């Protein structure tokens, strides 16, 4: 497989990008609010508690 993959790079017809072959999903960048919500959910799942919400 490695030899086939390498040979394709030297030919005129280039192979498809690896992400396309593996069908990897492009991750969307999270907003600050989405990250905070995710952290609060994880905190609750693992039994944590909120000490301060004002950021100080």
C-alpha atoms as a PDB file:
ATOM      1  CA  UNK A   1       0.000   0.000   0.000  1.00  0.00           C
ATOM      2  CA  UNK A   2       2.820   2.400   0.828  1.00  0.00           C
ATOM      3  CA  UNK A   3       4.483   1.746  -2.536  1.00  0.00           C
ATOM      4  CA  UNK A   4       1.183   2.326  -4.348  1.00  0.00           C
ATOM      5  CA  UNK A   5       0.578   5.567  -2.447  1.00  0.00           C
ATOM      6  CA  UNK A   6       4.128   6.772  -3.221  1.00  0.00           C
ATOM      7  CA  UNK A   7       3.874   5.822  -6.898  1.00  0.00           C
ATOM      8  CA  UNK A   8       0.688   7.869  -7.246  1.00  0.00           C
ATOM      9  CA  UNK A   9       2.529  10.992  -6.089  1.00  0.00           C
ATOM     10  CA  UNK A  10       5.067  10.586  -8.891  1.00  0.00           C
ATOM     11  CA  UNK A  11       2.408  10.093 -11.561  1.00  0.00           C
ATOM     12  CA  UNK A  12       0.534  12.866 -13.356  1.00  0.00           C
ATOM     13  CA  UNK A  13      -2.700  11.919 -11.614  1.00  0.00           C
ATOM     14  CA  UNK A  14      -2.418  12.886  -7.943  1.00  0.00           C
ATOM     15  CA  UNK A  15      -4.293  10.886  -5.283  1.00  0.00           C
ATOM     16  CA  UNK A  16      -7.179  12.351  -3.340  1.00  0.00           C
ATOM     17  CA  UNK A  17      -6.305  14.224  -0.136  1.00  0.00           C
ATOM     18  CA  UNK A  18      -5.898  11.920   2.868  1.00  0.00           C
ATOM     19  CA  UNK A  19      -8.765  13.628   4.729  1.00  0.00           C
ATOM     20  CA  UNK A  20     -11.074  12.809   1.835  1.00  0.00           C
ATOM     21  CA  UNK A  21      -9.902   9.198   1.687  1.00  0.00           C
ATOM     22  CA  UNK A  22     -10.337   8.725   5.435  1.00  0.00           C
ATOM     23  CA  UNK A  23     -13.544  10.790   5.390  1.00  0.00           C
ATOM     24  CA  UNK A  24     -12.453  12.897   8.334  1.00  0.00           C
ATOM     25  CA  UNK A  25     -14.937  15.495   9.451  1.00  0.00           C
ATOM     26  CA  UNK A  26     -13.736  19.061   9.699  1.00  0.00           C
ATOM     27  CA  UNK A  27     -14.261  20.312  13.217  1.00  0.00           C
ATOM     28  CA  UNK A  28     -16.103  23.570  13.665  1.00  0.00           C
ATOM     29  CA  UNK A  29     -14.413  26.091  15.923  1.00  0.00           C
ATOM     30  CA  UNK A  30     -16.411  26.612  19.125  1.00  0.00           C
ATOM     31  CA  UNK A  31     -17.443  30.013  20.396  1.00  0.00           C
ATOM     32  CA  UNK A  32     -16.565  31.139  23.914  1.00  0.00           C
ATOM     33  CA  UNK A  33     -20.138  30.474  25.039  1.00  0.00           C
ATOM     34  CA  UNK A  34     -20.076  26.934  23.611  1.00  0.00           C
ATOM     35  CA  UNK A  35     -16.786  26.213  25.393  1.00  0.00           C
ATOM     36  CA  UNK A  36     -18.136  27.527  28.700  1.00  0.00           C
ATOM     37  CA  UNK A  37     -21.265  25.397  28.344  1.00  0.00           C
ATOM     38  CA  UNK A  38     -19.153  22.316  27.569  1.00  0.00           C
ATOM     39  CA  UNK A  39     -16.932  22.941  30.613  1.00  0.00           C
ATOM     40  CA  UNK A  40     -19.943  23.418  32.896  1.00  0.00           C
ATOM     41  CA  UNK A  41     -21.463  20.153  31.628  1.00  0.00           C
ATOM     42  CA  UNK A  42     -18.213  18.252  32.174  1.00  0.00           C
ATOM     43  CA  UNK A  43     -17.874  19.792  35.618  1.00  0.00           C
ATOM     44  CA  UNK A  44     -21.374  18.591  36.528  1.00  0.00           C
ATOM     45  CA  UNK A  45     -20.772  15.111  35.072  1.00  0.00           C
ATOM     46  CA  UNK A  46     -17.587  14.627  37.105  1.00  0.00           C
ATOM     47  CA  UNK A  47     -19.166  15.917  40.314  1.00  0.00           C
ATOM     48  CA  UNK A  48     -17.456  19.271  40.465  1.00  0.00           C
ATOM     49  CA  UNK A  49     -19.026  22.349  41.959  1.00  0.00           C
ATOM     50  CA  UNK A  50     -18.945  26.003  40.960  1.00  0.00           C
ATOM     51  CA  UNK A  51     -16.947  28.002  43.510  1.00  0.00           C
ATOM     52  CA  UNK A  52     -17.303  31.394  41.829  1.00  0.00           C
ATOM     53  CA  UNK A  53     -19.122  32.468  38.716  1.00  0.00           C
ATOM     54  CA  UNK A  54     -17.891  36.070  38.614  1.00  0.00           C
ATOM     55  CA  UNK A  55     -14.431  35.066  37.331  1.00  0.00           C
ATOM     56  CA  UNK A  56     -12.517  36.366  40.391  1.00  0.00           C
END
